[in-house]
Every structure is written in C-alpha cells, then in structure tokens.
C-alpha cells in the first residue's frame, strides 16, 4: 500500500518492502479462555495481505456495517531477510526488530465463519485491518521472552500483556512458520493477543505502549 511504510523508532523509513502479514491465533491461554476456544496443539496460523497494513498513529478506520470490530493488540516482528525451514540461529538473524500491531477482528463475522468451518479472512484480512506502530531495532530488545505491552481505551487499560505468557515464544513461532512457508524481507509476523479483546467505537481514543520504548496515541473513526 502506498500509504504504509515500515518506520523505525527514529521516524525514518526502514528500507524494506511491504509484504504479507502472518498472524498467530490463540497464543495466550487467558485469551483462549475468554473466547471459550479450544487450546490448539500447534500454533494456529492465518494471513493478512499487504493491503491490510496501515500506520497505527493515523486514525483507525473500522467497518460500519459488519458488526462489532474488536481490538487485538499484539507484538509485531519485522523480518529483514528470507527464511525458510530456518534454524533458531537463522531466525534470530532474520529479525529486524519489534513493534506493535492491532489485529482488528470483525467478531460476529468470524463467529459465523467458524460455525461453518470456513476460513477467517473476511473477518481478519479486510483493508486497514492491521494498524502497525513503528519498530524498535532488535539490539534494543535483548530478551524477546520478556516484552511488556498494553492498550488503553478512553484512558482505561483494556489489554496488558507480556511475551513471557506466550504458549509459543517469538523464536519458536518464526521457526514453525518458516517450516510451512517462506518469510521474506518486509514481512510482519503478529504473535498473538492476550486477554482483554473488546469492541471499538468511533471516537474511542487509544494508547498503545511497548515497554519503555514508545507509546502511540490514536483514535477510531
């Protein structure tokens, strides 16, 4: 998309192409429980196209005619080089850095699709369904297994998570994903959401934070 580019925490464009988004579902136990879902025996994977990407700091546009649109805040991983059937070492080398993204979800649409055993793309992959923040270079994030993040809506904390509560760690996820399909430079991996999902409404004011690295304020239209 011509309006989205990967941005570093210094505000400069990261010289990587805009690629696909690989998403991980049901990676935090309490989120699985809040939606009364089945615990997966392996990472649940789905994708969003590049057209789903948009800058998080710009107003978030949600569909008006498809039922509730829920927030799902997630740690996002930006990939800087091709990995396929990768080792742990290769995965670590392929990470550019970490940011945050919202996996916007049309919950009623998703529920109907799930009931029919159909894919989720109509609920998850619509245009602008993946607002993404700036990215922190990996050298500033020494421990991927202890990254805190949060979302407030109207000043109230709605989601608060830490990667230490993941069922599958960031590195484990990238190894697993690369064994099923190739990740290339500019792809983003969304690593799952903690509990606290809920509907967003026009004029909601949001703030997302990634540890002490950054905070982004935005609002819904």
C-alpha atoms as a PDB file:
ATOM      1  CA  UNK A   1       0.000   0.000   0.000  1.00  0.00           C
ATOM      2  CA  UNK A   2       1.375   3.415  -0.922  1.00  0.00           C
ATOM      3  CA  UNK A   3       0.263   4.945   2.397  1.00  0.00           C
ATOM      4  CA  UNK A   4       2.066   2.404   4.587  1.00  0.00           C
ATOM      5  CA  UNK A   5       5.814   2.081   5.059  1.00  0.00           C
ATOM      6  CA  UNK A   6       7.794   0.388   7.817  1.00  0.00           C
ATOM      7  CA  UNK A   7       9.012   3.100  10.186  1.00  0.00           C
ATOM      8  CA  UNK A   8      11.804   2.950  12.744  1.00  0.00           C
ATOM      9  CA  UNK A   9      11.596   4.486  16.193  1.00  0.00           C
ATOM     10  CA  UNK A  10      13.651   7.413  14.872  1.00  0.00           C
ATOM     11  CA  UNK A  11      10.811   8.253  12.490  1.00  0.00           C
ATOM     12  CA  UNK A  12      12.786   7.248   9.407  1.00  0.00           C
ATOM     13  CA  UNK A  13      11.519   4.813   6.776  1.00  0.00           C
ATOM     14  CA  UNK A  14      13.040   1.343   7.085  1.00  0.00           C
ATOM     15  CA  UNK A  15      14.317   0.341   3.617  1.00  0.00           C
ATOM     16  CA  UNK A  16      12.356  -2.891   3.369  1.00  0.00           C
ATOM     17  CA  UNK A  17       9.446  -3.711   1.045  1.00  0.00           C
ATOM     18  CA  UNK A  18       5.910  -4.045   2.388  1.00  0.00           C
ATOM     19  CA  UNK A  19       4.992  -7.716   2.442  1.00  0.00           C
ATOM     20  CA  UNK A  20       2.424 -10.079   3.855  1.00  0.00           C
ATOM     21  CA  UNK A  21       1.355 -10.350   7.489  1.00  0.00           C
ATOM     22  CA  UNK A  22       1.457 -13.780   9.109  1.00  0.00           C
ATOM     23  CA  UNK A  23      -0.737 -13.924  12.204  1.00  0.00           C
ATOM     24  CA  UNK A  24      -0.792 -16.330  15.119  1.00  0.00           C
ATOM     25  CA  UNK A  25      -4.082 -17.112  16.820  1.00  0.00           C
ATOM     26  CA  UNK A  26      -4.662 -18.423  20.335  1.00  0.00           C
ATOM     27  CA  UNK A  27      -1.145 -17.925  21.704  1.00  0.00           C
ATOM     28  CA  UNK A  28      -2.169 -16.666  25.167  1.00  0.00           C
ATOM     29  CA  UNK A  29      -4.132 -19.060  27.378  1.00  0.00           C
ATOM     30  CA  UNK A  30      -6.288 -16.413  29.078  1.00  0.00           C
ATOM     31  CA  UNK A  31      -7.398 -15.065  25.691  1.00  0.00           C
ATOM     32  CA  UNK A  32      -8.328 -18.586  24.606  1.00  0.00           C
ATOM     33  CA  UNK A  33     -10.381 -18.913  27.762  1.00  0.00           C
ATOM     34  CA  UNK A  34     -12.140 -15.544  27.427  1.00  0.00           C
ATOM     35  CA  UNK A  35     -13.463 -16.548  23.987  1.00  0.00           C
ATOM     36  CA  UNK A  36     -14.143 -20.131  25.088  1.00  0.00           C
ATOM     37  CA  UNK A  37     -11.945 -21.502  22.312  1.00  0.00           C
ATOM     38  CA  UNK A  38     -10.156 -24.820  22.054  1.00  0.00           C
ATOM     39  CA  UNK A  39      -6.465 -24.841  23.005  1.00  0.00           C
ATOM     40  CA  UNK A  40      -4.510 -25.626  19.803  1.00  0.00           C
ATOM     41  CA  UNK A  41      -1.953 -28.425  19.729  1.00  0.00           C
ATOM     42  CA  UNK A  42       0.266 -26.333  17.439  1.00  0.00           C
ATOM     43  CA  UNK A  43       0.371 -22.629  16.508  1.00  0.00           C
ATOM     44  CA  UNK A  44      -2.759 -21.515  14.679  1.00  0.00           C
ATOM     45  CA  UNK A  45      -1.683 -19.542  11.607  1.00  0.00           C
ATOM     46  CA  UNK A  46      -3.510 -17.258   9.182  1.00  0.00           C
ATOM     47  CA  UNK A  47      -2.550 -14.331   6.960  1.00  0.00           C
ATOM     48  CA  UNK A  48      -3.423 -10.767   6.123  1.00  0.00           C
ATOM     49  CA  UNK A  49      -2.395  -9.234   2.790  1.00  0.00           C
ATOM     50  CA  UNK A  50      -0.232  -6.121   2.489  1.00  0.00           C
ATOM     51  CA  UNK A  51      -3.424  -4.145   1.850  1.00  0.00           C
ATOM     52  CA  UNK A  52      -4.390  -4.747   5.493  1.00  0.00           C
ATOM     53  CA  UNK A  53      -1.443  -2.677   6.712  1.00  0.00           C
ATOM     54  CA  UNK A  54      -1.810   0.948   7.772  1.00  0.00           C
ATOM     55  CA  UNK A  55       0.031   3.256  10.204  1.00  0.00           C
ATOM     56  CA  UNK A  56      -1.155   2.931  13.787  1.00  0.00           C
ATOM     57  CA  UNK A  57      -0.653   6.623  14.538  1.00  0.00           C
ATOM     58  CA  UNK A  58      -3.211   7.604  11.892  1.00  0.00           C
ATOM     59  CA  UNK A  59      -6.970   7.416  12.636  1.00  0.00           C
ATOM     60  CA  UNK A  60      -8.179   3.800  12.730  1.00  0.00           C
ATOM     61  CA  UNK A  61     -10.957   3.177  10.243  1.00  0.00           C
ATOM     62  CA  UNK A  62     -13.336   0.375  11.208  1.00  0.00           C
ATOM     63  CA  UNK A  63     -16.144  -1.056   9.044  1.00  0.00           C
ATOM     64  CA  UNK A  64     -19.536   0.405   9.923  1.00  0.00           C
ATOM     65  CA  UNK A  65     -21.852  -2.316   8.605  1.00  0.00           C
ATOM     66  CA  UNK A  66     -20.344  -5.645   9.674  1.00  0.00           C
ATOM     67  CA  UNK A  67     -20.977  -5.807  13.417  1.00  0.00           C
ATOM     68  CA  UNK A  68     -18.505  -5.370  16.278  1.00  0.00           C
ATOM     69  CA  UNK A  69     -14.852  -4.733  15.413  1.00  0.00           C
ATOM     70  CA  UNK A  70     -12.601  -5.915  18.246  1.00  0.00           C
ATOM     71  CA  UNK A  71      -9.132  -4.821  19.297  1.00  0.00           C
ATOM     72  CA  UNK A  72      -6.429  -7.483  19.465  1.00  0.00           C
ATOM     73  CA  UNK A  73      -3.086  -5.889  20.392  1.00  0.00           C
ATOM     74  CA  UNK A  74      -0.025  -7.962  19.510  1.00  0.00           C
ATOM     75  CA  UNK A  75       3.752  -7.792  19.378  1.00  0.00           C
ATOM     76  CA  UNK A  76       4.734  -7.490  15.716  1.00  0.00           C
ATOM     77  CA  UNK A  77       8.024  -8.826  14.342  1.00  0.00           C
ATOM     78  CA  UNK A  78       9.557  -7.258  11.221  1.00  0.00           C
ATOM     79  CA  UNK A  79      11.551  -9.662   9.040  1.00  0.00           C
ATOM     80  CA  UNK A  80      14.615  -8.354   7.169  1.00  0.00           C
ATOM     81  CA  UNK A  81      15.722 -11.377   5.111  1.00  0.00           C
ATOM     82  CA  UNK A  82      14.360 -14.567   3.598  1.00  0.00           C
ATOM     83  CA  UNK A  83      13.969 -17.569   5.885  1.00  0.00           C
ATOM     84  CA  UNK A  84      12.600 -20.962   5.003  1.00  0.00           C
ATOM     85  CA  UNK A  85      12.863 -24.124   7.125  1.00  0.00           C
ATOM     86  CA  UNK A  86      15.069 -21.969   9.338  1.00  0.00           C
ATOM     87  CA  UNK A  87      17.129 -22.840  12.395  1.00  0.00           C
ATOM     88  CA  UNK A  88      16.923 -20.848  15.623  1.00  0.00           C
ATOM     89  CA  UNK A  89      20.148 -19.049  14.664  1.00  0.00           C
ATOM     90  CA  UNK A  90      18.825 -18.150  11.203  1.00  0.00           C
ATOM     91  CA  UNK A  91      15.548 -16.901  12.676  1.00  0.00           C
ATOM     92  CA  UNK A  92      17.325 -14.621  15.150  1.00  0.00           C
ATOM     93  CA  UNK A  93      19.455 -13.177  12.361  1.00  0.00           C
ATOM     94  CA  UNK A  94      16.394 -12.523  10.178  1.00  0.00           C
ATOM     95  CA  UNK A  95      14.615 -10.248  12.683  1.00  0.00           C
ATOM     96  CA  UNK A  96      14.859  -6.510  12.040  1.00  0.00           C
ATOM     97  CA  UNK A  97      13.011  -5.564  15.206  1.00  0.00           C
ATOM     98  CA  UNK A  98       9.783  -5.464  17.184  1.00  0.00           C
ATOM     99  CA  UNK A  99       6.738  -3.219  17.172  1.00  0.00           C
ATOM    100  CA  UNK A 100       3.041  -3.429  17.955  1.00  0.00           C
ATOM    101  CA  UNK A 101       0.043  -4.091  15.770  1.00  0.00           C
ATOM    102  CA  UNK A 102      -3.715  -4.346  16.084  1.00  0.00           C
ATOM    103  CA  UNK A 103      -5.277  -7.450  14.576  1.00  0.00           C
ATOM    104  CA  UNK A 104      -8.686  -5.849  14.043  1.00  0.00           C
ATOM    105  CA  UNK A 105     -11.351  -8.540  14.030  1.00  0.00           C
ATOM    106  CA  UNK A 106     -14.990  -8.477  12.928  1.00  0.00           C
ATOM    107  CA  UNK A 107     -16.159 -10.742  15.728  1.00  0.00           C
ATOM    108  CA  UNK A 108     -19.675 -11.590  14.527  1.00  0.00           C
ATOM    109  CA  UNK A 109     -18.359 -12.300  11.050  1.00  0.00           C
ATOM    110  CA  UNK A 110     -15.636 -14.514  12.496  1.00  0.00           C
ATOM    111  CA  UNK A 111     -18.099 -16.423  14.690  1.00  0.00           C
ATOM    112  CA  UNK A 112     -20.318 -17.187  11.694  1.00  0.00           C
ATOM    113  CA  UNK A 113     -17.334 -18.340   9.640  1.00  0.00           C
ATOM    114  CA  UNK A 114     -16.064 -20.552  12.467  1.00  0.00           C
ATOM    115  CA  UNK A 115     -19.519 -22.121  12.853  1.00  0.00           C
ATOM    116  CA  UNK A 116     -19.409 -23.103   9.179  1.00  0.00           C
ATOM    117  CA  UNK A 117     -15.816 -24.316   9.354  1.00  0.00           C
ATOM    118  CA  UNK A 118     -14.742 -21.619   6.902  1.00  0.00           C
ATOM    119  CA  UNK A 119     -11.542 -19.518   6.799  1.00  0.00           C
ATOM    120  CA  UNK A 120     -11.393 -16.248   8.757  1.00  0.00           C
ATOM    121  CA  UNK A 121     -10.173 -13.849   6.079  1.00  0.00           C
ATOM    122  CA  UNK A 122     -13.480 -11.950   5.748  1.00  0.00           C
ATOM    123  CA  UNK A 123     -13.225 -11.163   9.469  1.00  0.00           C
ATOM    124  CA  UNK A 124      -9.481 -10.585   9.676  1.00  0.00           C
ATOM    125  CA  UNK A 125      -7.971  -9.550   6.336  1.00  0.00           C
ATOM    126  CA  UNK A 126     -10.088  -6.592   5.228  1.00  0.00           C
ATOM    127  CA  UNK A 127      -8.419  -3.336   4.142  1.00  0.00           C
ATOM    128  CA  UNK A 128      -6.729  -1.464   7.033  1.00  0.00           C
ATOM    129  CA  UNK A 129      -7.328  -4.354   9.429  1.00  0.00           C
ATOM    130  CA  UNK A 130      -3.711  -4.271  10.649  1.00  0.00           C
ATOM    131  CA  UNK A 131      -2.620  -0.879  12.020  1.00  0.00           C
ATOM    132  CA  UNK A 132       1.090  -1.126  12.878  1.00  0.00           C
ATOM    133  CA  UNK A 133       3.385   1.046  15.010  1.00  0.00           C
ATOM    134  CA  UNK A 134       6.995   1.971  14.480  1.00  0.00           C
ATOM    135  CA  UNK A 135       9.618  -0.741  15.030  1.00  0.00           C
ATOM    136  CA  UNK A 136      12.436  -0.939  17.583  1.00  0.00           C
ATOM    137  CA  UNK A 137      15.693  -2.439  16.312  1.00  0.00           C
ATOM    138  CA  UNK A 138      16.343  -5.838  17.835  1.00  0.00           C
ATOM    139  CA  UNK A 139      19.571  -4.662  19.507  1.00  0.00           C
ATOM    140  CA  UNK A 140      17.376  -2.596  21.842  1.00  0.00           C
ATOM    141  CA  UNK A 141      15.289  -5.655  22.819  1.00  0.00           C
ATOM    142  CA  UNK A 142      17.744  -8.115  24.385  1.00  0.00           C
ATOM    143  CA  UNK A 143      15.120 -10.566  25.666  1.00  0.00           C
ATOM    144  CA  UNK A 144      12.199 -11.459  23.388  1.00  0.00           C
ATOM    145  CA  UNK A 145      10.690 -13.591  26.150  1.00  0.00           C
ATOM    146  CA  UNK A 146      10.030 -10.639  28.466  1.00  0.00           C
ATOM    147  CA  UNK A 147       8.441  -7.826  26.462  1.00  0.00           C
ATOM    148  CA  UNK A 148       5.563  -5.954  28.053  1.00  0.00           C
ATOM    149  CA  UNK A 149       2.859  -4.131  26.107  1.00  0.00           C
ATOM    150  CA  UNK A 150      -0.525  -2.553  26.763  1.00  0.00           C
ATOM    151  CA  UNK A 151      -3.593  -0.918  25.254  1.00  0.00           C
ATOM    152  CA  UNK A 152      -5.764   1.712  26.890  1.00  0.00           C
ATOM    153  CA  UNK A 153      -9.131   2.772  25.511  1.00  0.00           C
ATOM    154  CA  UNK A 154     -10.509   6.055  26.820  1.00  0.00           C
ATOM    155  CA  UNK A 155      -7.787   6.075  29.460  1.00  0.00           C
ATOM    156  CA  UNK A 156      -8.741   2.659  30.850  1.00  0.00           C
ATOM    157  CA  UNK A 157      -6.416  -0.320  30.468  1.00  0.00           C
ATOM    158  CA  UNK A 158      -8.067  -2.900  28.208  1.00  0.00           C
ATOM    159  CA  UNK A 159      -5.176  -5.194  27.332  1.00  0.00           C
ATOM    160  CA  UNK A 160      -1.935  -5.728  29.190  1.00  0.00           C
ATOM    161  CA  UNK A 161       0.385  -8.495  28.108  1.00  0.00           C
ATOM    162  CA  UNK A 162       3.914  -9.834  28.272  1.00  0.00           C
ATOM    163  CA  UNK A 163       5.592 -12.208  25.859  1.00  0.00           C
ATOM    164  CA  UNK A 164       6.575 -14.428  28.808  1.00  0.00           C
ATOM    165  CA  UNK A 165       2.946 -15.596  28.843  1.00  0.00           C
ATOM    166  CA  UNK A 166       3.004 -16.819  25.243  1.00  0.00           C
ATOM    167  CA  UNK A 167       2.314 -20.501  24.665  1.00  0.00           C
ATOM    168  CA  UNK A 168       4.847 -20.401  21.814  1.00  0.00           C
ATOM    169  CA  UNK A 169       7.715 -17.901  22.008  1.00  0.00           C
ATOM    170  CA  UNK A 170       8.597 -15.458  19.241  1.00  0.00           C
ATOM    171  CA  UNK A 171      11.579 -17.565  18.142  1.00  0.00           C
ATOM    172  CA  UNK A 172       9.577 -20.808  18.256  1.00  0.00           C
ATOM    173  CA  UNK A 173       6.853 -19.191  16.154  1.00  0.00           C
ATOM    174  CA  UNK A 174       9.264 -17.992  13.477  1.00  0.00           C
ATOM    175  CA  UNK A 175      10.888 -21.421  13.231  1.00  0.00           C
ATOM    176  CA  UNK A 176       7.465 -23.059  12.952  1.00  0.00           C
ATOM    177  CA  UNK A 177       6.162 -20.577  10.371  1.00  0.00           C
ATOM    178  CA  UNK A 178       9.295 -20.892   8.224  1.00  0.00           C
ATOM    179  CA  UNK A 179       8.771 -24.639   8.092  1.00  0.00           C
ATOM    180  CA  UNK A 180       5.398 -24.159   6.397  1.00  0.00           C
ATOM    181  CA  UNK A 181       6.024 -21.165   4.137  1.00  0.00           C
ATOM    182  CA  UNK A 182       8.837 -18.791   3.378  1.00  0.00           C
ATOM    183  CA  UNK A 183       9.106 -15.439   5.104  1.00  0.00           C
ATOM    184  CA  UNK A 184      10.771 -12.692   3.072  1.00  0.00           C
ATOM    185  CA  UNK A 185      12.193  -9.245   3.770  1.00  0.00           C
ATOM    186  CA  UNK A 186       9.398  -6.855   4.743  1.00  0.00           C
ATOM    187  CA  UNK A 187       7.010  -9.495   6.064  1.00  0.00           C
ATOM    188  CA  UNK A 188       5.496  -8.960   9.501  1.00  0.00           C
ATOM    189  CA  UNK A 189       4.606 -11.673  11.993  1.00  0.00           C
ATOM    190  CA  UNK A 190       1.854 -10.897  14.506  1.00  0.00           C
ATOM    191  CA  UNK A 191       2.450 -13.085  17.547  1.00  0.00           C
ATOM    192  CA  UNK A 192      -0.955 -13.389  19.237  1.00  0.00           C
ATOM    193  CA  UNK A 193      -3.052 -11.318  21.630  1.00  0.00           C
ATOM    194  CA  UNK A 194      -3.569 -11.508  25.390  1.00  0.00           C
ATOM    195  CA  UNK A 195      -6.968 -11.320  27.088  1.00  0.00           C
ATOM    196  CA  UNK A 196      -8.991  -8.114  27.016  1.00  0.00           C
ATOM    197  CA  UNK A 197     -10.384  -8.040  23.487  1.00  0.00           C
ATOM    198  CA  UNK A 198     -13.487  -5.936  23.028  1.00  0.00           C
ATOM    199  CA  UNK A 199     -15.387  -3.736  20.576  1.00  0.00           C
ATOM    200  CA  UNK A 200     -14.048  -0.417  19.330  1.00  0.00           C
ATOM    201  CA  UNK A 201     -16.308   2.530  18.571  1.00  0.00           C
ATOM    202  CA  UNK A 202     -15.948   5.761  16.614  1.00  0.00           C
ATOM    203  CA  UNK A 203     -14.241   8.469  18.680  1.00  0.00           C
ATOM    204  CA  UNK A 204     -12.551   5.951  21.010  1.00  0.00           C
ATOM    205  CA  UNK A 205      -9.110   7.248  21.979  1.00  0.00           C
ATOM    206  CA  UNK A 206      -6.402   4.587  22.178  1.00  0.00           C
ATOM    207  CA  UNK A 207      -2.874   4.461  23.505  1.00  0.00           C
ATOM    208  CA  UNK A 208      -0.547   1.514  22.941  1.00  0.00           C
ATOM    209  CA  UNK A 209       2.797   1.110  24.674  1.00  0.00           C
ATOM    210  CA  UNK A 210       5.741  -1.228  24.164  1.00  0.00           C
ATOM    211  CA  UNK A 211       7.635  -1.440  27.463  1.00  0.00           C
ATOM    212  CA  UNK A 212       9.581   1.800  27.908  1.00  0.00           C
ATOM    213  CA  UNK A 213      10.350   2.051  24.185  1.00  0.00           C
ATOM    214  CA  UNK A 214       7.392   4.042  22.868  1.00  0.00           C
ATOM    215  CA  UNK A 215       3.744   4.989  23.214  1.00  0.00           C
ATOM    216  CA  UNK A 216       1.395   5.694  20.304  1.00  0.00           C
ATOM    217  CA  UNK A 217      -1.840   7.639  20.651  1.00  0.00           C
ATOM    218  CA  UNK A 218      -4.540   7.274  18.057  1.00  0.00           C
ATOM    219  CA  UNK A 219      -8.321   7.254  17.719  1.00  0.00           C
ATOM    220  CA  UNK A 220     -11.112   5.415  15.911  1.00  0.00           C
ATOM    221  CA  UNK A 221     -13.213   6.861  13.119  1.00  0.00           C
END
